[in-house]
Amino acid sequence: MARKNVQEERKLQILKALDSCLLKKSFEKTSIKDIASVAGVNHGVLHYYFTGKEDILLNYIAYVMNNYQVQARVLFATMNHDKYTKEQFIEESFNFVNNRITLNRNISRIFVEIWEISLYNKKVKAKLRETYLNWIDEVTPIVSDYFDDKIFARNMSIAMVAFWEGMAMFSTIFPSDTLNTEVILKGFQEKLMELL
């Protein structure tokens, strides 16, 4: 059991190293040696855990999604639904996504590049598709609590995820003083509340 924990910790160390590398240069220009150096391991060790750079990227995408899912589940598990009004619950949910994901310029910057890679790489495209479907699946039950029409709730969840991701992309290409992303996100949230 201890061996498995060491392996998981080492994989996590490598995934975090890729994250650091992607904040400095593109995935294409990032080498296995760069990732190993940041992780503090010999580059040969990376091949023990991953088949190559693409495999590290695919696992990185899953790691990011899992990280946010765990954070969201912890948040929602601590929220007593009897004490929160529908509006308060939705506001907390939006605040979580807005502050930890959409307005996180670092993760947004990295994912803009991953989207570009997915245009030409079928495995990355499939992993992104899986990731976004998982995110939609996480949002749908929350939205479904407030709509009788489950198809509408699913479509609303898709639209919300697409909106958040679009705003995340905008935050990486527009200077912060050009678009007030926080105001736009708040306005979207208020309009959604009117629908509920």
N, C-alpha and C. Protein backbone atom coordinates (compact mmCIF):
# COMPACT_ATOMS: atom_id res chain seq x y z
N MET A 1 0.82 -1.19 0.00
CA MET A 1 0.00 0.00 0.00
C MET A 1 0.87 1.26 0.00
N ALA A 2 1.95 1.26 0.78
CA ALA A 2 2.82 2.42 0.84
C ALA A 2 3.47 2.69 -0.51
N ARG A 3 3.79 1.61 -1.24
CA ARG A 3 4.40 1.76 -2.57
C ARG A 3 3.46 2.50 -3.52
N LYS A 4 2.17 2.16 -3.45
CA LYS A 4 1.19 2.82 -4.31
C LYS A 4 1.10 4.30 -3.98
N ASN A 5 1.14 4.65 -2.71
CA ASN A 5 1.10 6.06 -2.31
C ASN A 5 2.30 6.83 -2.85
N VAL A 6 3.47 6.20 -2.80
CA VAL A 6 4.69 6.83 -3.32
C VAL A 6 4.54 7.05 -4.82
N GLN A 7 4.00 6.05 -5.52
CA GLN A 7 3.80 6.17 -6.97
C GLN A 7 2.80 7.29 -7.28
N GLU A 8 1.73 7.35 -6.54
CA GLU A 8 0.73 8.40 -6.77
C GLU A 8 1.31 9.78 -6.47
N GLU A 9 2.10 9.88 -5.42
CA GLU A 9 2.74 11.15 -5.09
C GLU A 9 3.71 11.57 -6.18
N ARG A 10 4.46 10.62 -6.72
CA ARG A 10 5.42 10.93 -7.78
C ARG A 10 4.68 11.38 -9.05
N LYS A 11 3.59 10.70 -9.39
CA LYS A 11 2.81 11.10 -10.56
C LYS A 11 2.26 12.52 -10.38
N LEU A 12 1.76 12.80 -9.21
CA LEU A 12 1.24 14.13 -8.90
C LEU A 12 2.34 15.17 -9.00
N GLN A 13 3.52 14.84 -8.52
CA GLN A 13 4.68 15.73 -8.61
C GLN A 13 4.99 16.05 -10.07
N ILE A 14 4.90 15.07 -10.93
CA ILE A 14 5.18 15.25 -12.36
C ILE A 14 4.09 16.10 -13.02
N LEU A 15 2.83 15.85 -12.67
CA LEU A 15 1.73 16.64 -13.23
C LEU A 15 1.81 18.10 -12.80
N LYS A 16 2.17 18.32 -11.55
CA LYS A 16 2.35 19.69 -11.08
C LYS A 16 3.53 20.36 -11.78
N ALA A 17 4.55 19.57 -12.08
CA ALA A 17 5.70 20.11 -12.82
C ALA A 17 5.28 20.54 -14.22
N LEU A 18 4.44 19.74 -14.87
CA LEU A 18 3.94 20.14 -16.19
C LEU A 18 3.17 21.45 -16.08
N ASP A 19 2.36 21.58 -15.06
CA ASP A 19 1.62 22.81 -14.83
C ASP A 19 2.57 24.01 -14.77
N SER A 20 3.62 23.87 -13.99
CA SER A 20 4.61 24.96 -13.87
C SER A 20 5.29 25.25 -15.21
N CYS A 21 5.62 24.21 -15.93
CA CYS A 21 6.28 24.39 -17.23
C CYS A 21 5.37 25.13 -18.21
N LEU A 22 4.08 24.77 -18.23
CA LEU A 22 3.16 25.37 -19.18
C LEU A 22 2.87 26.84 -18.89
N LEU A 23 3.20 27.28 -17.71
CA LEU A 23 3.05 28.71 -17.39
C LEU A 23 4.23 29.51 -17.92
N LYS A 24 5.29 28.81 -18.31
CA LYS A 24 6.50 29.49 -18.81
C LYS A 24 6.67 29.38 -20.31
N LYS A 25 6.28 28.23 -20.87
CA LYS A 25 6.39 28.07 -22.33
C LYS A 25 5.37 27.05 -22.83
N SER A 26 5.23 27.00 -24.13
CA SER A 26 4.20 26.15 -24.73
C SER A 26 4.49 24.67 -24.49
N PHE A 27 3.46 23.87 -24.65
CA PHE A 27 3.61 22.42 -24.52
C PHE A 27 4.59 21.90 -25.56
N GLU A 28 4.48 22.41 -26.77
CA GLU A 28 5.37 21.98 -27.85
C GLU A 28 6.84 22.23 -27.50
N LYS A 29 7.12 23.36 -26.85
CA LYS A 29 8.50 23.71 -26.51
C LYS A 29 8.95 23.13 -25.17
N THR A 30 8.02 22.54 -24.44
CA THR A 30 8.36 21.92 -23.15
C THR A 30 8.83 20.49 -23.42
N SER A 31 9.99 20.16 -22.92
CA SER A 31 10.54 18.82 -23.14
C SER A 31 10.30 17.95 -21.90
N ILE A 32 10.48 16.66 -22.10
CA ILE A 32 10.43 15.71 -20.98
C ILE A 32 11.48 16.10 -19.94
N LYS A 33 12.65 16.54 -20.41
CA LYS A 33 13.71 16.94 -19.49
C LYS A 33 13.30 18.17 -18.68
N ASP A 34 12.57 19.10 -19.32
CA ASP A 34 12.07 20.28 -18.58
C ASP A 34 11.13 19.85 -17.46
N ILE A 35 10.21 18.97 -17.79
CA ILE A 35 9.23 18.49 -16.80
C ILE A 35 9.95 17.78 -15.66
N ALA A 36 10.89 16.91 -16.02
CA ALA A 36 11.65 16.17 -15.01
C ALA A 36 12.44 17.11 -14.11
N SER A 37 13.05 18.11 -14.70
CA SER A 37 13.84 19.07 -13.93
C SER A 37 12.98 19.80 -12.91
N VAL A 38 11.82 20.26 -13.34
CA VAL A 38 10.92 20.97 -12.42
C VAL A 38 10.40 20.01 -11.35
N ALA A 39 10.16 18.75 -11.74
CA ALA A 39 9.67 17.75 -10.78
C ALA A 39 10.77 17.29 -9.83
N GLY A 40 12.02 17.59 -10.20
CA GLY A 40 13.14 17.18 -9.35
C GLY A 40 13.48 15.71 -9.46
N VAL A 41 13.24 15.14 -10.67
CA VAL A 41 13.54 13.73 -10.88
C VAL A 41 14.35 13.58 -12.17
N ASN A 42 14.98 12.43 -12.33
CA ASN A 42 15.68 12.10 -13.56
C ASN A 42 14.63 11.91 -14.65
N HIS A 43 14.92 12.38 -15.88
CA HIS A 43 13.90 12.30 -16.93
C HIS A 43 13.51 10.87 -17.28
N GLY A 44 14.38 9.91 -17.02
CA GLY A 44 14.04 8.50 -17.24
C GLY A 44 12.92 8.02 -16.33
N VAL A 45 12.81 8.64 -15.15
CA VAL A 45 11.75 8.28 -14.20
C VAL A 45 10.37 8.57 -14.77
N LEU A 46 10.26 9.62 -15.58
CA LEU A 46 8.97 9.97 -16.15
C LEU A 46 8.40 8.83 -16.99
N HIS A 47 9.28 8.10 -17.67
CA HIS A 47 8.83 7.00 -18.51
C HIS A 47 8.36 5.80 -17.69
N TYR A 48 8.71 5.77 -16.44
CA TYR A 48 8.19 4.72 -15.55
C TYR A 48 6.72 4.97 -15.25
N TYR A 49 6.33 6.23 -15.17
CA TYR A 49 4.97 6.60 -14.81
C TYR A 49 4.09 6.93 -16.01
N PHE A 50 4.69 7.41 -17.09
CA PHE A 50 3.94 7.84 -18.27
C PHE A 50 4.63 7.34 -19.53
N THR A 51 3.85 7.11 -20.58
CA THR A 51 4.42 6.59 -21.82
C THR A 51 5.15 7.67 -22.62
N GLY A 52 4.87 8.92 -22.33
CA GLY A 52 5.51 10.03 -23.04
C GLY A 52 4.87 11.35 -22.66
N LYS A 53 5.26 12.38 -23.35
CA LYS A 53 4.79 13.73 -23.04
C LYS A 53 3.28 13.86 -23.23
N GLU A 54 2.76 13.24 -24.30
CA GLU A 54 1.31 13.28 -24.54
C GLU A 54 0.55 12.62 -23.39
N ASP A 55 1.06 11.51 -22.91
CA ASP A 55 0.42 10.80 -21.80
C ASP A 55 0.41 11.66 -20.53
N ILE A 56 1.48 12.42 -20.33
CA ILE A 56 1.52 13.33 -19.18
C ILE A 56 0.43 14.38 -19.35
N LEU A 57 0.28 14.91 -20.57
CA LEU A 57 -0.75 15.92 -20.82
C LEU A 57 -2.15 15.36 -20.59
N LEU A 58 -2.41 14.17 -21.07
CA LEU A 58 -3.74 13.55 -20.88
C LEU A 58 -4.03 13.35 -19.39
N ASN A 59 -3.03 12.90 -18.66
CA ASN A 59 -3.21 12.73 -17.21
C ASN A 59 -3.33 14.07 -16.51
N TYR A 60 -2.67 15.09 -17.02
CA TYR A 60 -2.78 16.44 -16.46
C TYR A 60 -4.21 16.95 -16.58
N ILE A 61 -4.82 16.76 -17.74
CA ILE A 61 -6.21 17.20 -17.94
C ILE A 61 -7.12 16.52 -16.92
N ALA A 62 -6.95 15.21 -16.75
CA ALA A 62 -7.76 14.47 -15.77
C ALA A 62 -7.47 14.96 -14.35
N TYR A 63 -6.21 15.24 -14.06
CA TYR A 63 -5.82 15.73 -12.74
C TYR A 63 -6.51 17.07 -12.43
N VAL A 64 -6.51 17.98 -13.39
CA VAL A 64 -7.14 19.29 -13.16
C VAL A 64 -8.63 19.11 -12.91
N MET A 65 -9.29 18.31 -13.73
CA MET A 65 -10.73 18.08 -13.56
C MET A 65 -11.01 17.44 -12.21
N ASN A 66 -10.26 16.42 -11.86
CA ASN A 66 -10.46 15.74 -10.59
C ASN A 66 -10.25 16.69 -9.41
N ASN A 67 -9.24 17.53 -9.51
CA ASN A 67 -8.94 18.50 -8.45
C ASN A 67 -10.15 19.40 -8.20
N TYR A 68 -10.73 19.94 -9.28
CA TYR A 68 -11.88 20.83 -9.12
C TYR A 68 -13.13 20.06 -8.67
N GLN A 69 -13.30 18.83 -9.14
CA GLN A 69 -14.44 18.03 -8.69
C GLN A 69 -14.36 17.78 -7.18
N VAL A 70 -13.19 17.45 -6.71
CA VAL A 70 -13.01 17.20 -5.27
C VAL A 70 -13.32 18.48 -4.48
N GLN A 71 -12.79 19.61 -4.93
CA GLN A 71 -13.05 20.89 -4.26
C GLN A 71 -14.55 21.19 -4.23
N ALA A 72 -15.22 20.97 -5.36
CA ALA A 72 -16.66 21.25 -5.44
C ALA A 72 -17.45 20.32 -4.53
N ARG A 73 -17.09 19.06 -4.51
CA ARG A 73 -17.80 18.10 -3.66
C ARG A 73 -17.62 18.43 -2.18
N VAL A 74 -16.43 18.87 -1.82
CA VAL A 74 -16.20 19.28 -0.43
C VAL A 74 -17.08 20.49 -0.10
N LEU A 75 -17.10 21.47 -1.00
CA LEU A 75 -17.93 22.66 -0.78
C LEU A 75 -19.39 22.27 -0.61
N PHE A 76 -19.92 21.47 -1.54
CA PHE A 76 -21.33 21.13 -1.50
C PHE A 76 -21.67 20.21 -0.33
N ALA A 77 -20.72 19.40 0.09
CA ALA A 77 -20.96 18.53 1.25
C ALA A 77 -21.06 19.34 2.53
N THR A 78 -20.37 20.49 2.58
CA THR A 78 -20.40 21.31 3.79
C THR A 78 -21.59 22.28 3.81
N MET A 79 -22.27 22.39 2.67
CA MET A 79 -23.42 23.30 2.60
C MET A 79 -24.68 22.56 3.02
N ASN A 80 -25.29 23.03 4.08
CA ASN A 80 -26.54 22.45 4.56
C ASN A 80 -27.68 23.03 3.72
N HIS A 81 -28.28 22.20 2.88
CA HIS A 81 -29.32 22.67 1.96
C HIS A 81 -30.55 23.22 2.69
N ASP A 82 -30.76 22.80 3.92
CA ASP A 82 -31.89 23.32 4.69
C ASP A 82 -31.65 24.76 5.14
N LYS A 83 -30.39 25.15 5.28
CA LYS A 83 -30.06 26.49 5.75
C LYS A 83 -29.82 27.48 4.62
N TYR A 84 -29.62 26.97 3.39
CA TYR A 84 -29.36 27.82 2.24
C TYR A 84 -30.62 27.97 1.41
N THR A 85 -30.92 29.20 1.04
CA THR A 85 -32.00 29.40 0.08
C THR A 85 -31.47 28.97 -1.29
N LYS A 86 -32.37 28.80 -2.23
CA LYS A 86 -31.99 28.44 -3.58
C LYS A 86 -31.00 29.47 -4.13
N GLU A 87 -31.29 30.74 -3.88
CA GLU A 87 -30.44 31.82 -4.38
C GLU A 87 -29.04 31.75 -3.77
N GLN A 88 -28.98 31.50 -2.47
CA GLN A 88 -27.68 31.41 -1.79
C GLN A 88 -26.87 30.22 -2.30
N PHE A 89 -27.55 29.11 -2.53
CA PHE A 89 -26.87 27.92 -3.02
C PHE A 89 -26.29 28.17 -4.41
N ILE A 90 -27.11 28.76 -5.29
CA ILE A 90 -26.64 29.07 -6.65
C ILE A 90 -25.49 30.07 -6.59
N GLU A 91 -25.61 31.06 -5.72
CA GLU A 91 -24.54 32.06 -5.60
C GLU A 91 -23.23 31.42 -5.15
N GLU A 92 -23.29 30.53 -4.17
CA GLU A 92 -22.09 29.84 -3.72
C GLU A 92 -21.49 28.98 -4.84
N SER A 93 -22.36 28.32 -5.59
CA SER A 93 -21.90 27.49 -6.70
C SER A 93 -21.20 28.34 -7.75
N PHE A 94 -21.83 29.46 -8.11
CA PHE A 94 -21.23 30.36 -9.09
C PHE A 94 -19.93 30.95 -8.58
N ASN A 95 -19.90 31.35 -7.34
CA ASN A 95 -18.68 31.92 -6.77
C ASN A 95 -17.53 30.92 -6.85
N PHE A 96 -17.84 29.66 -6.58
CA PHE A 96 -16.83 28.62 -6.66
C PHE A 96 -16.25 28.55 -8.08
N VAL A 97 -17.13 28.41 -9.07
CA VAL A 97 -16.67 28.28 -10.46
C VAL A 97 -15.97 29.55 -10.91
N ASN A 98 -16.58 30.70 -10.63
CA ASN A 98 -16.00 31.97 -11.08
C ASN A 98 -14.62 32.20 -10.48
N ASN A 99 -14.50 32.06 -9.17
CA ASN A 99 -13.26 32.43 -8.49
C ASN A 99 -12.16 31.38 -8.60
N ARG A 100 -12.52 30.12 -8.65
CA ARG A 100 -11.48 29.09 -8.67
C ARG A 100 -11.13 28.61 -10.07
N ILE A 101 -12.07 28.77 -11.02
CA ILE A 101 -11.81 28.25 -12.36
C ILE A 101 -11.80 29.37 -13.39
N THR A 102 -12.94 29.99 -13.62
CA THR A 102 -13.07 30.96 -14.72
C THR A 102 -12.11 32.13 -14.59
N LEU A 103 -11.95 32.66 -13.41
CA LEU A 103 -11.07 33.82 -13.22
C LEU A 103 -9.64 33.44 -12.86
N ASN A 104 -9.33 32.17 -12.90
CA ASN A 104 -7.96 31.69 -12.66
C ASN A 104 -7.21 31.79 -14.00
N ARG A 105 -6.53 32.89 -14.20
CA ARG A 105 -5.86 33.15 -15.48
C ARG A 105 -4.81 32.10 -15.82
N ASN A 106 -4.15 31.56 -14.82
CA ASN A 106 -3.12 30.55 -15.09
C ASN A 106 -3.72 29.30 -15.71
N ILE A 107 -4.75 28.76 -15.08
CA ILE A 107 -5.34 27.53 -15.62
C ILE A 107 -6.03 27.83 -16.95
N SER A 108 -6.61 29.01 -17.09
CA SER A 108 -7.24 29.39 -18.35
C SER A 108 -6.22 29.45 -19.48
N ARG A 109 -5.08 30.05 -19.19
CA ARG A 109 -4.01 30.15 -20.18
C ARG A 109 -3.55 28.78 -20.65
N ILE A 110 -3.39 27.89 -19.70
CA ILE A 110 -2.95 26.53 -20.04
C ILE A 110 -4.01 25.84 -20.90
N PHE A 111 -5.28 26.00 -20.52
CA PHE A 111 -6.33 25.30 -21.25
C PHE A 111 -6.59 25.88 -22.64
N VAL A 112 -6.31 27.15 -22.84
CA VAL A 112 -6.40 27.69 -24.20
C VAL A 112 -5.43 26.92 -25.11
N GLU A 113 -4.25 26.67 -24.61
CA GLU A 113 -3.28 25.90 -25.40
C GLU A 113 -3.75 24.46 -25.59
N ILE A 114 -4.32 23.87 -24.55
CA ILE A 114 -4.81 22.49 -24.67
C ILE A 114 -5.93 22.41 -25.70
N TRP A 115 -6.81 23.42 -25.73
CA TRP A 115 -7.87 23.44 -26.76
C TRP A 115 -7.23 23.44 -28.15
N GLU A 116 -6.18 24.25 -28.32
CA GLU A 116 -5.51 24.31 -29.63
C GLU A 116 -4.91 22.95 -29.98
N ILE A 117 -4.26 22.32 -29.02
CA ILE A 117 -3.68 20.99 -29.26
C ILE A 117 -4.77 20.01 -29.66
N SER A 118 -5.93 20.12 -29.05
CA SER A 118 -7.03 19.18 -29.33
C SER A 118 -7.56 19.28 -30.75
N LEU A 119 -7.30 20.39 -31.42
CA LEU A 119 -7.74 20.52 -32.82
C LEU A 119 -7.04 19.51 -33.72
N TYR A 120 -5.82 19.10 -33.35
CA TYR A 120 -5.02 18.24 -34.19
C TYR A 120 -4.68 16.89 -33.56
N ASN A 121 -5.05 16.73 -32.30
CA ASN A 121 -4.69 15.52 -31.58
C ASN A 121 -5.97 14.86 -31.07
N LYS A 122 -6.30 13.70 -31.65
CA LYS A 122 -7.55 13.01 -31.33
C LYS A 122 -7.63 12.58 -29.86
N LYS A 123 -6.51 12.16 -29.29
CA LYS A 123 -6.53 11.72 -27.89
C LYS A 123 -6.80 12.90 -26.95
N VAL A 124 -6.18 14.03 -27.23
CA VAL A 124 -6.41 15.21 -26.39
C VAL A 124 -7.85 15.70 -26.57
N LYS A 125 -8.35 15.67 -27.80
CA LYS A 125 -9.74 16.06 -28.04
C LYS A 125 -10.70 15.15 -27.26
N ALA A 126 -10.45 13.85 -27.31
CA ALA A 126 -11.30 12.90 -26.59
C ALA A 126 -11.24 13.15 -25.08
N LYS A 127 -10.05 13.43 -24.57
CA LYS A 127 -9.90 13.69 -23.12
C LYS A 127 -10.61 14.97 -22.73
N LEU A 128 -10.50 16.01 -23.57
CA LEU A 128 -11.22 17.25 -23.28
C LEU A 128 -12.72 17.03 -23.32
N ARG A 129 -13.19 16.29 -24.31
CA ARG A 129 -14.63 16.00 -24.42
C ARG A 129 -15.10 15.28 -23.15
N GLU A 130 -14.35 14.28 -22.73
CA GLU A 130 -14.68 13.54 -21.51
C GLU A 130 -14.69 14.49 -20.30
N THR A 131 -13.71 15.37 -20.23
CA THR A 131 -13.59 16.31 -19.11
C THR A 131 -14.79 17.25 -19.05
N TYR A 132 -15.17 17.81 -20.20
CA TYR A 132 -16.30 18.74 -20.21
C TYR A 132 -17.63 18.03 -19.97
N LEU A 133 -17.76 16.81 -20.47
CA LEU A 133 -18.98 16.05 -20.17
C LEU A 133 -19.07 15.75 -18.68
N ASN A 134 -17.93 15.45 -18.06
CA ASN A 134 -17.92 15.24 -16.60
C ASN A 134 -18.34 16.51 -15.86
N TRP A 135 -17.83 17.65 -16.33
CA TRP A 135 -18.18 18.91 -15.68
C TRP A 135 -19.68 19.19 -15.85
N ILE A 136 -20.20 18.97 -17.04
CA ILE A 136 -21.63 19.15 -17.28
C ILE A 136 -22.42 18.20 -16.38
N ASP A 137 -21.93 16.96 -16.24
CA ASP A 137 -22.60 16.00 -15.36
C ASP A 137 -22.58 16.43 -13.90
N GLU A 138 -21.56 17.19 -13.50
CA GLU A 138 -21.49 17.71 -12.12
C GLU A 138 -22.48 18.86 -11.93
N VAL A 139 -22.65 19.69 -12.96
CA VAL A 139 -23.52 20.86 -12.86
C VAL A 139 -24.99 20.48 -12.99
N THR A 140 -25.29 19.51 -13.84
CA THR A 140 -26.68 19.17 -14.15
C THR A 140 -27.54 18.84 -12.93
N PRO A 141 -27.08 18.01 -12.00
CA PRO A 141 -27.95 17.72 -10.83
C PRO A 141 -28.27 18.97 -10.00
N ILE A 142 -27.33 19.90 -9.95
CA ILE A 142 -27.57 21.13 -9.19
C ILE A 142 -28.64 21.95 -9.89
N VAL A 143 -28.51 22.10 -11.20
CA VAL A 143 -29.50 22.86 -11.97
C VAL A 143 -30.84 22.14 -11.98
N SER A 144 -30.81 20.81 -12.06
CA SER A 144 -32.05 20.02 -12.13
C SER A 144 -32.92 20.17 -10.89
N ASP A 145 -32.29 20.52 -9.77
CA ASP A 145 -33.07 20.73 -8.55
C ASP A 145 -34.05 21.89 -8.69
N TYR A 146 -33.84 22.75 -9.68
CA TYR A 146 -34.65 23.96 -9.80
C TYR A 146 -35.52 24.00 -11.05
N PHE A 147 -35.44 22.96 -11.89
CA PHE A 147 -36.25 22.90 -13.11
C PHE A 147 -36.96 21.56 -13.19
N ASP A 148 -38.23 21.58 -13.53
CA ASP A 148 -38.96 20.33 -13.72
C ASP A 148 -38.55 19.67 -15.04
N ASP A 149 -38.25 20.48 -16.04
CA ASP A 149 -37.87 19.98 -17.35
C ASP A 149 -36.39 19.59 -17.32
N LYS A 150 -36.11 18.29 -17.23
CA LYS A 150 -34.74 17.79 -17.08
C LYS A 150 -33.91 18.02 -18.34
N ILE A 151 -34.54 18.00 -19.50
CA ILE A 151 -33.81 18.28 -20.75
C ILE A 151 -33.36 19.74 -20.74
N PHE A 152 -34.24 20.64 -20.32
CA PHE A 152 -33.87 22.05 -20.23
C PHE A 152 -32.74 22.24 -19.22
N ALA A 153 -32.83 21.54 -18.10
CA ALA A 153 -31.78 21.65 -17.08
C ALA A 153 -30.44 21.18 -17.63
N ARG A 154 -30.44 20.11 -18.39
CA ARG A 154 -29.19 19.61 -19.00
C ARG A 154 -28.65 20.64 -20.00
N ASN A 155 -29.54 21.16 -20.84
CA ASN A 155 -29.11 22.16 -21.82
C ASN A 155 -28.60 23.43 -21.14
N MET A 156 -29.24 23.82 -20.05
CA MET A 156 -28.80 24.98 -19.29
C MET A 156 -27.41 24.73 -18.72
N SER A 157 -27.17 23.52 -18.25
CA SER A 157 -25.85 23.16 -17.71
C SER A 157 -24.78 23.23 -18.78
N ILE A 158 -25.10 22.76 -19.98
CA ILE A 158 -24.16 22.83 -21.10
C ILE A 158 -23.85 24.30 -21.41
N ALA A 159 -24.89 25.12 -21.44
CA ALA A 159 -24.70 26.55 -21.74
C ALA A 159 -23.86 27.23 -20.67
N MET A 160 -24.07 26.86 -19.41
CA MET A 160 -23.30 27.46 -18.32
C MET A 160 -21.82 27.10 -18.43
N VAL A 161 -21.52 25.83 -18.68
CA VAL A 161 -20.13 25.40 -18.81
C VAL A 161 -19.48 26.11 -20.00
N ALA A 162 -20.21 26.18 -21.12
CA ALA A 162 -19.68 26.85 -22.30
C ALA A 162 -19.42 28.34 -22.02
N PHE A 163 -20.34 28.97 -21.31
CA PHE A 163 -20.17 30.39 -20.97
C PHE A 163 -18.94 30.59 -20.08
N TRP A 164 -18.82 29.77 -19.03
CA TRP A 164 -17.67 29.90 -18.13
C TRP A 164 -16.36 29.69 -18.87
N GLU A 165 -16.32 28.69 -19.74
CA GLU A 165 -15.09 28.42 -20.48
C GLU A 165 -14.79 29.55 -21.47
N GLY A 166 -15.82 30.09 -22.11
CA GLY A 166 -15.62 31.22 -23.01
C GLY A 166 -15.09 32.43 -22.27
N MET A 167 -15.63 32.70 -21.10
CA MET A 167 -15.14 33.83 -20.30
C MET A 167 -13.71 33.59 -19.83
N ALA A 168 -13.39 32.34 -19.53
CA ALA A 168 -12.01 32.01 -19.15
C ALA A 168 -11.06 32.31 -20.31
N MET A 169 -11.47 31.94 -21.52
CA MET A 169 -10.64 32.23 -22.69
C MET A 169 -10.51 33.74 -22.89
N PHE A 170 -11.61 34.47 -22.78
CA PHE A 170 -11.56 35.92 -22.92
C PHE A 170 -10.59 36.53 -21.92
N SER A 171 -10.58 35.99 -20.71
CA SER A 171 -9.71 36.56 -19.67
C SER A 171 -8.24 36.42 -20.02
N THR A 172 -7.91 35.49 -20.93
CA THR A 172 -6.51 35.30 -21.30
C THR A 172 -6.09 36.16 -22.49
N ILE A 173 -7.06 36.59 -23.31
CA ILE A 173 -6.69 37.34 -24.51
C ILE A 173 -7.00 38.83 -24.42
N PHE A 174 -7.85 39.22 -23.47
CA PHE A 174 -8.14 40.64 -23.29
C PHE A 174 -7.44 41.16 -22.04
N PRO A 175 -6.84 42.34 -22.12
CA PRO A 175 -6.27 42.94 -20.91
C PRO A 175 -7.38 43.12 -19.87
N SER A 176 -7.02 43.02 -18.61
CA SER A 176 -8.03 43.06 -17.54
C SER A 176 -8.85 44.34 -17.54
N ASP A 177 -8.31 45.44 -18.08
CA ASP A 177 -9.08 46.69 -18.09
C ASP A 177 -9.98 46.83 -19.32
N THR A 178 -9.90 45.88 -20.28
CA THR A 178 -10.73 45.94 -21.47
C THR A 178 -12.13 45.39 -21.21
N LEU A 179 -12.19 44.22 -20.63
CA LEU A 179 -13.46 43.59 -20.27
C LEU A 179 -13.48 43.43 -18.76
N ASN A 180 -14.56 43.79 -18.15
CA ASN A 180 -14.67 43.55 -16.73
C ASN A 180 -15.34 42.20 -16.54
N THR A 181 -14.54 41.16 -16.60
CA THR A 181 -15.03 39.79 -16.58
C THR A 181 -15.87 39.51 -15.35
N GLU A 182 -15.46 40.03 -14.21
CA GLU A 182 -16.20 39.78 -12.98
C GLU A 182 -17.62 40.35 -13.06
N VAL A 183 -17.76 41.53 -13.64
CA VAL A 183 -19.08 42.16 -13.78
C VAL A 183 -19.94 41.34 -14.74
N ILE A 184 -19.34 40.88 -15.82
CA ILE A 184 -20.08 40.07 -16.80
C ILE A 184 -20.55 38.77 -16.15
N LEU A 185 -19.67 38.11 -15.40
CA LEU A 185 -20.05 36.88 -14.72
C LEU A 185 -21.17 37.10 -13.72
N LYS A 186 -21.09 38.19 -12.99
CA LYS A 186 -22.13 38.52 -11.99
C LYS A 186 -23.46 38.78 -12.70
N GLY A 187 -23.43 39.50 -13.82
CA GLY A 187 -24.65 39.77 -14.57
C GLY A 187 -25.29 38.50 -15.11
N PHE A 188 -24.46 37.59 -15.59
CA PHE A 188 -24.96 36.30 -16.07
C PHE A 188 -25.63 35.54 -14.93
N GLN A 189 -24.99 35.55 -13.79
CA GLN A 189 -25.53 34.87 -12.61
C GLN A 189 -26.89 35.46 -12.22
N GLU A 190 -26.99 36.78 -12.24
CA GLU A 190 -28.25 37.43 -11.87
C GLU A 190 -29.37 37.08 -12.85
N LYS A 191 -29.06 37.04 -14.14
CA LYS A 191 -30.07 36.68 -15.14
C LYS A 191 -30.49 35.22 -14.98
N LEU A 192 -29.55 34.36 -14.68
CA LEU A 192 -29.88 32.96 -14.44
C LEU A 192 -30.80 32.84 -13.23
N MET A 193 -30.52 33.61 -12.20
CA MET A 193 -31.37 33.58 -10.99
C MET A 193 -32.81 33.97 -11.33
N GLU A 194 -32.97 34.91 -12.26
CA GLU A 194 -34.32 35.32 -12.66
C GLU A 194 -35.07 34.15 -13.31
N LEU A 195 -34.34 33.29 -14.03
CA LEU A 195 -34.98 32.13 -14.64
C LEU A 195 -35.43 31.12 -13.61
N LEU A 196 -34.69 31.06 -12.53
CA LEU A 196 -35.02 30.08 -11.49
C LEU A 196 -36.17 30.60 -10.66
